[in-house]
């Protein structure tokens, strides 16, 4: 019969591997794009699957890491009582990103601060369809 403490490390290691395998990544955006408006601003547009009573807050930017910046888009609940209906939620925000930034690492957080959608996008050059939304 094996000593009880010799199987404990093996069980702990197996548990760690199992939790890594079952860890879920946030779903991808159904649409994600970014285009440069000018040397200091980028238009970020995205669509993700969210709750019918969920609203998007202004994006928050982390400190750039080389040519990439992490963008976090928090959401809030708009009602105490809501259906469990899943709806597409559109985001269109102008963010500050100097000309050296070439990519955005975008994460949407649900109202409980869990990752709800995640993706990376290269910032496209300005084009005719890259226009800041009217205020």
Protein backbone atom coordinates (compact mmCIF):
# COMPACT_ATOMS: atom_id res chain seq x y z
CA UNK A 1 0.00 0.00 0.00
CA UNK A 2 1.51 3.38 -1.00
CA UNK A 3 2.15 5.94 1.67
CA UNK A 4 -0.66 8.54 1.72
CA UNK A 5 1.70 11.47 1.21
CA UNK A 6 3.43 10.05 -1.88
CA UNK A 7 0.24 10.25 -3.98
CA UNK A 8 -0.62 13.79 -2.84
CA UNK A 9 1.96 15.56 -5.08
CA UNK A 10 0.81 13.51 -8.06
CA UNK A 11 -2.81 14.47 -7.41
CA UNK A 12 -1.90 18.15 -7.10
CA UNK A 13 0.00 18.09 -10.39
CA UNK A 14 -2.87 16.29 -12.13
CA UNK A 15 -5.30 18.88 -10.78
CA UNK A 16 -3.18 21.75 -12.08
CA UNK A 17 -3.01 20.24 -15.55
CA UNK A 18 -6.75 19.55 -15.57
CA UNK A 19 -7.58 23.15 -14.60
CA UNK A 20 -5.32 24.47 -17.36
CA UNK A 21 -7.07 22.26 -19.91
CA UNK A 22 -10.54 23.36 -18.82
CA UNK A 23 -9.70 27.08 -18.54
CA UNK A 24 -11.87 28.98 -20.98
CA UNK A 25 -10.71 31.82 -23.14
CA UNK A 26 -13.04 34.71 -23.85
CA UNK A 27 -14.92 34.36 -27.13
CA UNK A 28 -13.77 36.33 -30.14
CA UNK A 29 -15.51 39.43 -31.42
CA UNK A 30 -17.97 38.89 -34.26
CA UNK A 31 -16.48 42.04 -35.79
CA UNK A 32 -13.34 43.97 -34.81
CA UNK A 33 -11.59 46.77 -36.72
CA UNK A 34 -9.55 49.89 -36.09
CA UNK A 35 -8.48 52.72 -38.36
CA UNK A 36 -6.33 55.77 -37.79
CA UNK A 37 -8.22 59.07 -37.78
CA UNK A 38 -5.09 61.19 -37.28
CA UNK A 39 -1.67 61.00 -35.63
CA UNK A 40 -3.19 60.80 -32.14
CA UNK A 41 -6.60 59.09 -32.53
CA UNK A 42 -7.95 55.73 -33.67
CA UNK A 43 -11.53 54.70 -34.41
CA UNK A 44 -12.26 51.32 -32.79
CA UNK A 45 -15.34 49.43 -33.95
CA UNK A 46 -16.38 46.06 -32.62
CA UNK A 47 -19.36 43.77 -32.20
CA UNK A 48 -19.66 41.07 -29.57
CA UNK A 49 -22.39 38.85 -28.15
CA UNK A 50 -23.70 40.27 -24.89
CA UNK A 51 -26.75 40.57 -22.70
CA UNK A 52 -29.88 42.48 -23.67
CA UNK A 53 -29.44 44.70 -20.58
CA UNK A 54 -25.75 45.44 -21.03
CA UNK A 55 -24.26 48.83 -21.95
CA UNK A 56 -20.71 49.71 -22.99
CA UNK A 57 -18.62 52.21 -21.01
CA UNK A 58 -15.71 54.30 -22.41
CA UNK A 59 -12.59 52.31 -23.30
CA UNK A 60 -9.62 52.29 -20.95
CA UNK A 61 -6.09 52.08 -22.31
CA UNK A 62 -3.05 50.56 -20.65
CA UNK A 63 0.49 51.82 -21.15
CA UNK A 64 1.73 50.83 -24.64
CA UNK A 65 4.08 47.87 -24.99
CA UNK A 66 6.12 48.71 -28.04
CA UNK A 67 3.66 49.09 -30.92
CA UNK A 68 0.69 47.49 -29.13
CA UNK A 69 -1.68 48.88 -26.54
CA UNK A 70 -4.20 46.94 -24.44
CA UNK A 71 -7.73 48.36 -24.61
CA UNK A 72 -10.30 47.36 -22.01
CA UNK A 73 -13.97 48.05 -22.63
CA UNK A 74 -16.01 47.70 -19.44
CA UNK A 75 -19.76 47.09 -19.50
CA UNK A 76 -22.52 47.69 -16.98
CA UNK A 77 -25.95 46.22 -16.38
CA UNK A 78 -28.76 48.59 -17.30
CA UNK A 79 -31.41 46.77 -15.28
CA UNK A 80 -31.75 44.67 -12.13
CA UNK A 81 -34.17 42.30 -13.87
CA UNK A 82 -33.34 41.21 -17.40
CA UNK A 83 -33.90 38.32 -19.75
CA UNK A 84 -31.05 35.99 -20.58
CA UNK A 85 -31.36 36.99 -24.25
CA UNK A 86 -28.05 37.22 -26.13
CA UNK A 87 -27.85 40.17 -28.53
CA UNK A 88 -25.07 41.69 -30.64
CA UNK A 89 -23.60 44.75 -28.95
CA UNK A 90 -21.88 47.30 -31.18
CA UNK A 91 -18.99 49.47 -30.02
CA UNK A 92 -17.74 52.55 -31.84
CA UNK A 93 -15.27 54.65 -29.88
CA UNK A 94 -12.45 57.03 -30.64
CA UNK A 95 -9.40 56.26 -28.53
CA UNK A 96 -6.12 58.08 -28.03
CA UNK A 97 -3.26 56.16 -29.66
CA UNK A 98 -0.19 57.94 -30.96
CA UNK A 99 1.23 57.18 -34.40
CA UNK A 100 3.71 54.56 -33.07
CA UNK A 101 0.85 52.27 -32.00
CA UNK A 102 0.13 49.73 -34.75
CA UNK A 103 -2.03 47.12 -32.97
CA UNK A 104 -4.76 46.98 -30.33
CA UNK A 105 -5.29 44.11 -27.90
CA UNK A 106 -8.99 44.54 -27.07
CA UNK A 107 -10.92 42.95 -24.19
CA UNK A 108 -14.56 43.51 -23.22
CA UNK A 109 -15.38 42.95 -19.56
CA UNK A 110 -18.83 41.87 -18.42
CA UNK A 111 -20.46 43.73 -15.49
CA UNK A 112 -18.70 41.34 -13.06
CA UNK A 113 -15.29 42.18 -14.64
CA UNK A 114 -14.87 38.82 -16.38
CA UNK A 115 -13.48 38.74 -19.92
CA UNK A 116 -16.44 38.52 -22.28
CA UNK A 117 -14.75 39.04 -25.66
CA UNK A 118 -11.13 39.33 -26.73
CA UNK A 119 -9.21 39.95 -29.91
CA UNK A 120 -6.31 41.78 -31.49
CA UNK A 121 -6.49 44.06 -34.48
CA UNK A 122 -4.03 45.94 -36.65
CA UNK A 123 -4.77 49.64 -37.05
CA UNK A 124 -5.59 50.38 -40.71
CA UNK A 125 -4.51 53.51 -42.51
CA UNK A 126 -7.10 56.28 -42.84
CA UNK A 127 -9.67 55.70 -45.53
CA UNK A 128 -12.95 57.10 -46.79
CA UNK A 129 -14.93 54.90 -44.39
CA UNK A 130 -12.80 55.88 -41.37
CA UNK A 131 -14.81 58.76 -39.92
CA UNK A 132 -15.25 59.67 -36.27
CA UNK A 133 -18.82 59.30 -35.05
CA UNK A 134 -20.79 62.50 -34.55
CA UNK A 135 -20.96 63.58 -30.92
